[in-house]
Amino acid sequence: MAEDPTNNDNPESNDKPEESFAEMFEAYSAGMKEDLRIGDKLKSRIIAISDSAVFVDTGTKTDGVIEMAELLDENGVLPFKVGDIIDLYVVSIDESEVRLSKAIAGFGGLDILKDAFTGHIPVEGKVIQTVKGGFQVEVLKRRAFCPISQIDTLFVENPAGYVGQTFQFVIKKFAENGRNIVLSRRDLLEAEQKKVQAEFLEKLDMDKIYEGRVTRLMPYGAFVELTPGLEGMVHISELSWSRLEKAEDAVQPGQQIRVKVLKVEPGKKGKKISLSIKQALGDPWAQLGAAIKPGQIITGKVTRCADFGAFVQIQPGIEGLVHVSEMSYTQRVHKASDLVSPGQSVSVMVKEIDLAKRRVGLSMREAEGDPWQDITKKYASGQPVEGVVEKQERFGIFVRVAPGIVGLLPKSAISRSPSAAQIEKLKAGDAIAVTVESVNAADRKISLKPRDAEDEEQWSQFQTNTAPASMGVLGEKLSKVLNKKDK
């Protein structure tokens, strides 16, 4: 007798498949949301995409659907694919499907607006016009009001710029049976910003370089926006390698900059982020050796003065010292402020660079040039010159014959002159006619004697046979001044 294939007496024939199906159904049903309501916000995974709609997993036995047009970007392209997770709101439920939306839009009655209000579902509205204190907005063919402080997260400088634009809003107030509806766009923007900020902070790396925008300046530094709504602070000491009096000397609001993250720590209003601009630029001393060499003449700015010299910035973050002994060949400088002041531009020669000690020695007088250079070509023995008394000493009178060139009129030479009495009465600043007696270029000395008629005659005869000695540009200028005084 053939065995009946429908016989279920065999316990191993169908029990296991039935049990497996039950287990599978139970597993499928486990965790399903059975109390889905209008207004619920869902993180939905895309399971299929058609020509006109996108289907998502709602976490229930019923799949959700959203119109394709609602998800397209500004270029008409769908920026999502199967498997992506998107945030959507439940706008309607029936036995066959769950309708979802990014925001409520189009036509609808008061019930839909009430549901949006109680469920905090975004609604789409068009800004119609500006009114006192804010904007008139059309939502589902109904009139609503958005305060000017709630249209954006930023200060609104041009309210008219929002007119005609369509945004998403949340309903903050729904009263008088829909005749008093108050909206906020700012709440949505801030919620999105907080999400972006949290993601940014999660990935924030110490010592990494980021792009930012200067938002505001304070006496102690500058605030920089790293991502919308999230700021860090650059202390004034970290704005530049140069010394700054105020933040605006380095940056301006709206300026795009690169910053380095120094530290992140808890603050009263969230994370406190410390930034540095100068460290994002790198240490200027590391490149100094390649950019500047000893003997080079450059222009710098005096940053501060001390009695012993002046500090001059030759590159951002690089200051050198001009000692008072290196400030001038033509003047005796007792303290730096007698010759220069902070903010003044000066020419300097780089004398030495010590990278290990971060020191640069500078000279202003070497940049100007040594007036004693080629002194023997400018002055010769027997040459009459016009000078100015600089000071009287017991051994003689120091006479300035040109800027930076001072000679000595010895007491012994004065005593031999017929005009000795008149010469000894001269004071500092008085003009005097002298004759060069000798020039010692090595020791920077010029010996002088009082001029007399014989000197003039001998020099005139000497000039007829030789080319006139040049006094140099500085000497010629001094001669003109002295001649004016004589007149």
Protein backbone atom coordinates (compact mmCIF):
# COMPACT_ATOMS: atom_id res chain seq x y z
CA MET A 1 0.00 0.00 0.00
CA ALA A 2 1.36 3.31 -1.07
CA GLU A 3 2.10 5.87 1.53
CA ASP A 4 -0.31 8.82 1.60
CA PRO A 5 1.73 11.91 0.93
CA THR A 6 -0.86 14.01 2.80
CA ASN A 7 -0.52 11.94 5.93
CA ASN A 8 0.54 14.23 8.77
CA ASP A 9 1.03 11.47 11.29
CA ASN A 10 4.76 11.66 10.68
CA PRO A 11 5.87 14.19 13.29
CA GLU A 12 8.87 15.22 11.20
CA SER A 13 6.86 15.93 8.04
CA ASN A 14 5.46 19.53 8.50
CA ASP A 15 5.94 20.60 12.12
CA LYS A 16 9.35 22.16 11.69
CA PRO A 17 8.45 24.27 8.63
CA GLU A 18 5.36 25.60 10.45
CA GLU A 19 7.39 26.41 13.54
CA SER A 20 10.09 28.11 11.45
CA PHE A 21 7.49 30.28 9.74
CA ALA A 22 6.02 31.26 13.09
CA GLU A 23 9.43 32.13 14.41
CA MET A 24 10.19 34.15 11.34
CA PHE A 25 6.90 36.06 11.62
CA GLU A 26 7.48 36.68 15.28
CA ALA A 27 10.99 37.92 14.59
CA TYR A 28 9.69 40.15 11.81
CA SER A 29 7.01 41.58 14.09
CA ALA A 30 9.35 42.10 17.02
CA GLY A 31 10.10 45.76 17.64
CA MET A 32 7.41 46.99 15.23
CA LYS A 33 5.80 50.29 16.17
CA GLU A 34 2.11 49.66 16.57
CA ASP A 35 1.15 53.12 17.85
CA LEU A 36 2.38 55.28 14.95
CA ARG A 37 0.67 58.67 15.04
CA ILE A 38 0.40 61.73 12.84
CA GLY A 39 3.21 64.12 13.68
CA ASP A 40 5.73 61.43 14.64
CA LYS A 41 9.24 62.10 13.40
CA LEU A 42 10.88 58.98 11.96
CA LYS A 43 14.41 58.10 10.95
CA SER A 44 13.42 56.14 7.87
CA ARG A 45 15.58 53.89 5.70
CA ILE A 46 14.92 54.04 1.95
CA ILE A 47 13.91 50.61 0.67
CA ALA A 48 12.83 51.45 -2.90
CA ILE A 49 12.69 54.34 -5.36
CA SER A 50 10.16 54.69 -8.19
CA ASP A 51 9.70 57.35 -10.84
CA SER A 52 7.43 59.48 -8.64
CA ALA A 53 7.83 58.28 -5.05
CA VAL A 54 10.31 57.03 -2.48
CA PHE A 55 9.40 54.10 -0.22
CA VAL A 56 10.82 53.80 3.27
CA ASP A 57 10.76 51.45 6.23
CA THR A 58 8.62 53.03 8.96
CA GLY A 59 9.44 50.41 11.59
CA THR A 60 5.88 49.04 11.33
CA LYS A 61 4.22 46.43 9.14
CA THR A 62 3.21 49.19 6.76
CA ASP A 63 5.81 50.88 4.59
CA GLY A 64 5.89 54.64 4.22
CA VAL A 65 5.83 56.67 1.03
CA ILE A 66 6.91 60.25 0.23
CA GLU A 67 6.51 62.11 -3.04
CA MET A 68 9.73 62.22 -5.08
CA ALA A 69 9.33 65.93 -5.81
CA GLU A 70 9.60 66.76 -2.11
CA LEU A 71 13.10 65.27 -1.84
CA LEU A 72 14.68 66.71 -4.99
CA ASP A 73 17.47 69.25 -4.51
CA GLU A 74 17.68 72.69 -6.13
CA ASN A 75 18.94 71.10 -9.34
CA GLY A 76 16.07 68.64 -9.54
CA VAL A 77 18.26 65.68 -8.55
CA LEU A 78 17.43 63.14 -5.84
CA PRO A 79 20.41 63.25 -3.42
CA PHE A 80 19.52 59.92 -1.80
CA LYS A 81 19.84 56.23 -2.65
CA VAL A 82 18.45 52.93 -1.34
CA GLY A 83 19.75 52.33 2.17
CA ASP A 84 20.07 56.03 3.13
CA ILE A 85 18.42 57.24 6.32
CA ILE A 86 16.29 60.40 6.18
CA ASP A 87 14.19 62.29 8.73
CA LEU A 88 10.49 62.43 7.83
CA TYR A 89 7.18 63.28 9.51
CA VAL A 90 3.98 61.21 9.51
CA VAL A 91 1.21 63.24 7.87
CA SER A 92 -1.45 60.53 7.30
CA ILE A 93 -2.09 56.85 8.07
CA ASP A 94 -4.47 54.33 6.54
CA GLU A 95 -4.61 50.56 6.16
CA SER A 96 -2.53 50.46 3.00
CA GLU A 97 0.19 53.06 3.56
CA VAL A 98 1.80 55.67 5.77
CA ARG A 99 2.16 59.03 4.05
CA LEU A 100 5.32 60.91 5.02
CA SER A 101 6.65 64.39 4.37
CA LYS A 102 9.62 66.64 5.12
CA ALA A 103 7.04 69.32 5.97
CA ILE A 104 3.34 69.95 5.57
CA ALA A 105 2.62 71.99 2.43
CA GLY A 106 -0.10 72.73 -0.09
CA PHE A 107 -3.77 72.75 0.91
CA GLY A 108 -5.29 71.58 4.13
CA GLY A 109 -7.75 72.39 6.86
CA LEU A 110 -7.37 73.54 10.42
CA ASP A 111 -7.07 69.96 11.60
CA ILE A 112 -3.82 69.53 9.70
CA LEU A 113 -2.44 72.77 11.18
CA LYS A 114 -3.50 71.65 14.66
CA ASP A 115 -1.75 68.33 14.11
CA ALA A 116 1.35 70.18 12.92
CA PHE A 117 1.21 72.40 16.02
CA THR A 118 0.78 69.59 18.53
CA GLY A 119 3.15 67.24 16.71
CA HIS A 120 5.84 69.89 16.02
CA ILE A 121 5.66 69.01 12.32
CA PRO A 122 7.31 71.58 10.02
CA VAL A 123 4.99 73.43 7.68
CA GLU A 124 5.92 75.08 4.42
CA GLY A 125 5.17 78.77 4.16
CA LYS A 126 5.79 81.62 1.74
CA VAL A 127 6.80 85.04 3.04
CA ILE A 128 4.24 87.44 1.57
CA GLN A 129 5.29 90.80 2.97
CA THR A 130 6.97 92.61 5.85
CA VAL A 131 4.71 93.87 8.62
CA LYS A 132 5.35 95.61 11.92
CA GLY A 133 7.69 93.45 13.97
CA GLY A 134 8.06 90.68 11.41
CA PHE A 135 6.58 89.00 8.33
CA GLN A 136 3.21 87.86 7.01
CA VAL A 137 3.53 84.23 5.90
CA GLU A 138 1.05 82.11 3.92
CA VAL A 139 0.72 78.53 5.24
CA LEU A 140 -1.84 76.13 3.70
CA LYS A 141 -3.60 79.17 2.19
CA ARG A 142 -3.91 80.72 5.65
CA ARG A 143 -2.27 83.84 7.04
CA ALA A 144 0.37 83.47 9.78
CA PHE A 145 2.88 85.74 11.48
CA CYS A 146 6.64 85.20 11.93
CA PRO A 147 8.47 87.64 14.26
CA ILE A 148 11.59 89.15 12.71
CA SER A 149 13.71 87.53 15.43
CA GLN A 150 12.39 84.09 14.38
CA ILE A 151 13.06 84.26 10.64
CA ASP A 152 16.78 83.51 10.94
CA THR A 153 19.56 82.73 13.40
CA LEU A 154 21.45 85.84 12.31
CA PHE A 155 20.61 89.50 12.78
CA VAL A 156 18.28 90.57 9.97
CA GLU A 157 19.72 93.64 8.26
CA ASN A 158 17.45 93.55 5.19
CA PRO A 159 13.96 92.19 5.97
CA ALA A 160 12.79 92.79 2.40
CA GLY A 161 15.28 90.17 1.21
CA TYR A 162 13.11 87.41 2.70
CA VAL A 163 9.91 88.47 0.91
CA GLY A 164 8.85 86.04 -1.84
CA GLN A 165 10.90 83.14 -0.48
CA THR A 166 9.48 79.82 0.73
CA PHE A 167 10.80 78.29 3.95
CA GLN A 168 9.91 75.62 6.47
CA PHE A 169 8.51 76.78 9.81
CA VAL A 170 7.25 75.29 13.04
CA ILE A 171 4.02 76.57 14.58
CA LYS A 172 4.78 78.18 17.93
CA LYS A 173 1.25 79.37 18.64
CA PHE A 174 -2.15 78.20 17.32
CA ALA A 175 -5.06 80.18 18.83
CA GLU A 176 -8.47 81.69 18.07
CA ASN A 177 -9.38 78.74 15.84
CA GLY A 178 -6.51 79.44 13.46
CA ARG A 179 -6.87 83.20 13.31
CA ASN A 180 -3.73 83.68 15.43
CA ILE A 181 -0.86 81.54 14.13
CA VAL A 182 2.72 82.37 15.07
CA LEU A 183 5.63 80.70 13.26
CA SER A 184 9.37 80.22 13.80
CA ARG A 185 11.99 79.32 11.24
CA ARG A 186 14.79 79.93 13.72
CA ASP A 187 13.85 76.88 15.83
CA LEU A 188 14.33 74.59 12.82
CA LEU A 189 17.61 76.23 11.84
CA GLU A 190 18.98 75.99 15.37
CA ALA A 191 17.96 72.36 15.66
CA GLU A 192 19.74 71.59 12.39
CA GLN A 193 22.76 73.61 13.51
CA LYS A 194 22.96 71.69 16.78
CA LYS A 195 22.96 68.45 14.84
CA VAL A 196 25.72 69.67 12.52
CA GLN A 197 27.67 71.10 15.47
CA ALA A 198 27.48 67.81 17.38
CA GLU A 199 28.79 65.94 14.33
CA PHE A 200 31.56 68.54 13.88
CA LEU A 201 32.62 68.36 17.54
CA GLU A 202 32.65 64.58 17.40
CA LYS A 203 35.19 64.70 14.56
CA LEU A 204 37.14 67.72 15.86
CA ASP A 205 40.86 66.96 16.07
CA MET A 206 43.33 68.72 18.33
CA ASP A 207 46.21 70.47 16.52
CA LYS A 208 44.37 70.22 13.18
CA ILE A 209 44.00 73.21 10.82
CA TYR A 210 40.45 74.35 9.98
CA GLU A 211 38.92 77.07 7.83
CA GLY A 212 36.86 79.66 9.69
CA ARG A 213 35.23 83.08 9.44
CA VAL A 214 35.85 85.96 11.84
CA THR A 215 32.48 86.91 13.36
CA ARG A 216 33.32 89.55 15.98
CA LEU A 217 36.23 91.28 17.65
CA MET A 218 36.77 91.88 21.36
CA PRO A 219 39.56 93.66 23.29
CA TYR A 220 40.95 90.26 24.26
CA GLY A 221 40.75 88.53 20.86
CA ALA A 222 38.53 87.42 17.98
CA PHE A 223 35.68 84.92 17.65
CA VAL A 224 35.80 82.59 14.65
CA GLU A 225 32.90 80.52 13.30
CA LEU A 226 34.06 77.01 12.43
CA THR A 227 30.67 75.68 11.35
CA PRO A 228 27.29 77.52 11.37
CA GLY A 229 26.53 78.53 14.95
CA LEU A 230 29.72 77.06 16.45
CA GLU A 231 32.47 79.51 17.37
CA GLY A 232 35.94 79.30 18.81
CA MET A 233 38.02 82.10 20.29
CA VAL A 234 41.48 83.29 19.22
CA HIS A 235 43.16 85.14 22.09
CA ILE A 236 44.96 88.33 21.05
CA SER A 237 48.29 86.65 21.83
CA GLU A 238 47.45 83.96 19.23
CA LEU A 239 46.32 86.29 16.45
CA SER A 240 49.78 87.05 15.12
CA TRP A 241 53.45 86.42 15.74
CA SER A 242 53.78 90.20 15.95
CA ARG A 243 52.88 92.18 19.06
CA LEU A 244 49.38 93.65 18.74
CA GLU A 245 47.66 96.47 20.57
CA LYS A 246 44.20 95.46 19.39
CA ALA A 247 42.60 92.58 17.48
CA GLU A 248 41.65 94.69 14.44
CA ASP A 249 45.35 95.16 13.71
CA ALA A 250 45.37 91.50 12.60
CA VAL A 251 41.87 90.51 11.39
CA GLN A 252 38.51 92.00 10.40
CA PRO A 253 34.91 90.68 10.79
CA GLY A 254 33.90 88.55 7.81
CA GLN A 255 37.49 87.60 6.96
CA GLN A 256 38.13 83.95 6.04
CA ILE A 257 41.11 82.55 7.93
CA ARG A 258 42.89 79.32 8.85
CA VAL A 259 43.08 78.38 12.51
CA LYS A 260 44.66 75.64 14.59
CA VAL A 261 42.70 73.99 17.41
CA LEU A 262 44.59 74.36 20.69
CA LYS A 263 42.13 72.86 23.16
CA VAL A 264 38.46 72.02 23.74
CA GLU A 265 37.00 72.19 27.22
CA PRO A 266 33.55 72.40 28.87
CA GLY A 267 32.02 75.87 29.14
CA LYS A 268 28.88 77.44 30.59
CA LYS A 269 27.14 77.46 27.19
CA GLY A 270 28.68 74.35 25.66
CA LYS A 271 32.12 73.50 24.43
CA LYS A 272 34.82 76.16 24.74
CA ILE A 273 37.19 75.98 21.77
CA SER A 274 40.55 77.76 21.88
CA LEU A 275 42.11 78.54 18.49
CA SER A 276 45.31 80.03 17.09
CA ILE A 277 45.93 81.86 13.84
CA LYS A 278 49.66 82.33 14.27
CA GLN A 279 50.30 78.64 14.91
CA ALA A 280 48.37 77.77 11.76
CA LEU A 281 50.85 79.95 9.86
CA GLY A 282 53.91 78.22 11.31
CA ASP A 283 56.90 79.58 13.24
CA PRO A 284 58.41 82.54 11.30
CA TRP A 285 61.84 81.85 12.82
CA ALA A 286 61.91 78.49 11.03
CA GLN A 287 62.01 80.23 7.62
CA LEU A 288 64.05 83.29 8.64
CA GLY A 289 67.44 81.89 7.64
CA ALA A 290 66.31 81.37 4.06
CA ALA A 291 64.59 84.76 3.74
CA ILE A 292 67.08 87.18 5.33
CA LYS A 293 70.88 87.20 5.34
CA PRO A 294 73.46 89.31 7.22
CA GLY A 295 74.43 92.40 5.23
CA GLN A 296 70.96 92.72 3.71
CA ILE A 297 69.28 96.15 3.90
CA ILE A 298 65.53 96.02 4.53
CA THR A 299 62.72 98.28 5.71
CA GLY A 300 61.13 97.59 9.09
CA LYS A 301 58.75 99.18 11.56
CA VAL A 302 59.76 100.37 15.01
CA THR A 303 57.64 98.48 17.56
CA ARG A 304 59.00 99.84 20.84
CA CYS A 305 61.82 101.95 22.23
CA ALA A 306 64.09 101.46 25.23
CA ASP A 307 66.95 103.59 26.49
CA PHE A 308 69.46 101.13 25.04
CA GLY A 309 67.91 100.87 21.59
CA ALA A 310 64.87 100.31 19.39
CA PHE A 311 63.11 97.09 18.45
CA VAL A 312 62.26 96.87 14.75
CA GLN A 313 59.92 94.35 13.13
CA ILE A 314 61.50 93.10 9.92
CA GLN A 315 58.97 90.32 9.25
CA PRO A 316 55.68 89.34 10.95
CA GLY A 317 56.75 87.89 14.28
CA ILE A 318 60.43 88.76 13.80
CA GLU A 319 61.92 91.69 15.70
CA GLY A 320 65.52 92.80 15.76
CA LEU A 321 67.35 95.27 18.00
CA VAL A 322 69.03 98.46 16.86
CA HIS A 323 71.39 99.41 19.69
CA VAL A 324 71.82 103.14 20.31
CA SER A 325 75.42 102.81 19.11
CA GLU A 326 74.06 101.59 15.75
CA MET A 327 71.44 104.28 15.27
CA SER A 328 73.34 107.10 13.59
CA TYR A 329 76.72 108.17 12.31
CA THR A 330 75.64 111.78 12.15
CA GLN A 331 74.10 112.25 15.60
CA ARG A 332 75.02 111.32 19.15
CA VAL A 333 72.04 109.26 20.38
CA HIS A 334 71.63 108.93 24.14
CA LYS A 335 68.35 107.02 24.00
CA ALA A 336 66.38 105.52 21.11
CA SER A 337 63.32 107.76 21.53
CA ASP A 338 65.51 110.78 20.70
CA LEU A 339 65.69 109.56 17.11
CA VAL A 340 62.76 107.19 16.39
CA SER A 341 59.27 106.40 17.71
CA PRO A 342 56.95 103.33 17.60
CA GLY A 343 55.23 102.92 14.24
CA GLN A 344 57.98 104.68 12.29
CA SER A 345 59.40 102.93 9.21
CA VAL A 346 63.19 102.75 9.10
CA SER A 347 65.87 101.25 6.89
CA VAL A 348 68.14 98.80 8.67
CA MET A 349 71.04 96.55 7.80
CA VAL A 350 71.01 93.01 9.20
CA LYS A 351 74.28 92.64 11.12
CA GLU A 352 73.82 89.20 12.67
CA ILE A 353 71.23 86.44 13.08
CA ASP A 354 71.21 84.02 16.03
CA LEU A 355 68.45 81.49 15.33
CA ALA A 356 69.18 79.49 18.49
CA LYS A 357 68.59 82.52 20.72
CA ARG A 358 66.02 84.07 18.35
CA ARG A 359 67.95 87.31 18.10
CA VAL A 360 68.64 89.63 15.18
CA GLY A 361 71.14 92.49 15.40
CA LEU A 362 70.31 95.49 13.22
CA SER A 363 71.97 98.78 12.30
CA MET A 364 70.33 101.94 11.07
CA ARG A 365 73.59 103.80 10.57
CA GLU A 366 75.05 101.11 8.31
CA ALA A 367 71.91 101.27 6.17
CA GLU A 368 72.36 105.02 5.78
CA GLY A 369 76.05 104.74 4.96
CA ASP A 370 79.25 105.80 6.74
CA PRO A 371 80.04 109.49 6.13
CA TRP A 372 83.72 108.74 6.86
CA GLN A 373 83.89 106.43 3.88
CA ASP A 374 86.24 107.93 1.25
CA ILE A 375 86.90 110.81 3.65
CA THR A 376 90.33 111.47 2.08
CA LYS A 377 88.62 112.15 -1.25
CA LYS A 378 86.34 114.72 0.33
CA TYR A 379 88.85 116.62 2.46
CA ALA A 380 92.50 117.44 1.89
CA SER A 381 95.19 119.23 3.90
CA GLY A 382 94.92 122.99 3.45
CA GLN A 383 91.27 122.88 2.32
CA PRO A 384 89.16 125.70 3.79
CA VAL A 385 85.74 124.58 5.08
CA GLU A 386 82.77 126.10 6.85
CA GLY A 387 81.84 124.46 10.14
CA VAL A 388 79.56 124.73 13.16
CA VAL A 389 80.79 124.72 16.74
CA GLU A 390 79.58 121.54 18.42
CA LYS A 391 81.14 122.02 21.86
CA GLN A 392 84.11 123.64 23.61
CA GLU A 393 86.57 121.59 25.69
CA ARG A 394 89.65 122.71 27.64
CA PHE A 395 91.88 121.24 24.93
CA GLY A 396 90.02 122.72 21.98
CA ILE A 397 86.78 123.11 20.06
CA PHE A 398 84.90 120.32 18.26
CA VAL A 399 83.66 121.57 14.91
CA ARG A 400 81.09 119.77 12.73
CA VAL A 401 82.17 120.24 9.13
CA ALA A 402 79.50 117.91 7.63
CA PRO A 403 76.74 115.62 8.96
CA GLY A 404 78.58 112.92 10.92
CA ILE A 405 82.00 114.52 10.39
CA VAL A 406 83.46 116.31 13.41
CA GLY A 407 86.99 117.71 13.55
CA LEU A 408 89.04 119.15 16.39
CA LEU A 409 90.34 122.70 16.47
CA PRO A 410 93.14 122.35 19.08
CA LYS A 411 93.77 124.99 21.75
CA SER A 412 97.34 125.34 20.49
CA ALA A 413 96.12 126.24 16.99
CA ILE A 414 93.63 128.75 18.34
CA SER A 415 96.30 130.51 20.43
CA ARG A 416 98.39 131.14 17.29
CA SER A 417 95.52 132.82 15.47
CA PRO A 418 95.11 136.62 15.40
CA SER A 419 91.38 135.95 16.01
CA ALA A 420 91.92 133.77 19.10
CA ALA A 421 89.85 136.01 21.37
CA GLN A 422 86.86 135.97 19.03
CA ILE A 423 87.13 132.19 18.50
CA GLU A 424 87.17 131.44 22.23
CA LYS A 425 83.90 133.37 22.65
CA LEU A 426 82.02 131.13 20.19
CA LYS A 427 79.19 128.93 21.51
CA ALA A 428 77.64 125.68 20.32
CA GLY A 429 75.78 126.27 17.05
CA ASP A 430 77.91 129.26 15.98
CA ALA A 431 79.46 129.19 12.49
CA ILE A 432 83.24 129.13 12.15
CA ALA A 433 85.65 129.24 9.21
CA VAL A 434 88.46 126.67 9.51
CA THR A 435 91.09 124.97 7.43
CA VAL A 436 91.78 121.22 7.28
CA GLU A 437 95.21 120.60 8.68
CA SER A 438 95.29 116.79 8.49
CA VAL A 439 92.96 113.79 7.95
CA ASN A 440 93.38 110.44 9.75
CA ALA A 441 90.80 108.12 8.13
CA ALA A 442 91.80 105.06 10.20
CA ASP A 443 91.15 106.83 13.53
CA ARG A 444 88.27 108.93 12.17
CA LYS A 445 89.98 112.17 13.07
CA ILE A 446 90.30 115.51 11.32
CA SER A 447 92.60 118.15 12.73
CA LEU A 448 91.62 121.76 12.01
CA LYS A 449 93.13 125.24 12.39
CA PRO A 450 91.62 128.72 12.23
CA ARG A 451 91.33 130.02 8.69
CA ASP A 452 93.22 133.12 7.64
CA ALA A 453 93.70 135.01 4.39
CA GLU A 454 96.86 133.10 3.57
CA ASP A 455 94.94 129.80 3.69
CA GLU A 456 92.33 131.15 1.24
CA GLU A 457 95.03 132.32 -1.17
CA GLN A 458 97.02 129.10 -1.05
CA TRP A 459 93.91 126.98 -1.56
CA SER A 460 92.78 129.11 -4.49
CA GLN A 461 96.16 128.58 -6.18
CA PHE A 462 95.97 124.86 -5.41
CA GLN A 463 92.50 124.60 -6.99
CA THR A 464 93.67 126.16 -10.26
CA ASN A 465 96.00 123.19 -10.80
CA THR A 466 93.90 120.37 -9.36
CA ALA A 467 90.29 119.24 -9.51
CA PRO A 468 88.22 120.58 -6.62
CA ALA A 469 87.78 118.16 -3.74
CA SER A 470 84.23 117.00 -3.26
CA MET A 471 82.63 117.64 0.10
CA GLY A 472 79.89 115.14 -0.61
CA VAL A 473 76.15 115.80 -0.71
CA LEU A 474 75.82 116.15 3.07
CA GLY A 475 78.77 118.55 3.21
CA GLU A 476 77.38 120.68 0.42
CA LYS A 477 74.01 120.98 2.19
CA LEU A 478 75.74 121.96 5.41
CA SER A 479 77.83 124.53 3.55
CA LYS A 480 74.70 126.16 2.12
CA VAL A 481 73.16 126.39 5.62
CA LEU A 482 76.30 127.89 7.06
CA ASN A 483 76.58 130.42 4.24
CA LYS A 484 73.03 131.58 4.98
CA LYS A 485 73.93 132.06 8.63
CA ASP A 486 76.97 134.18 7.67
CA LYS A 487 74.76 136.47 5.59
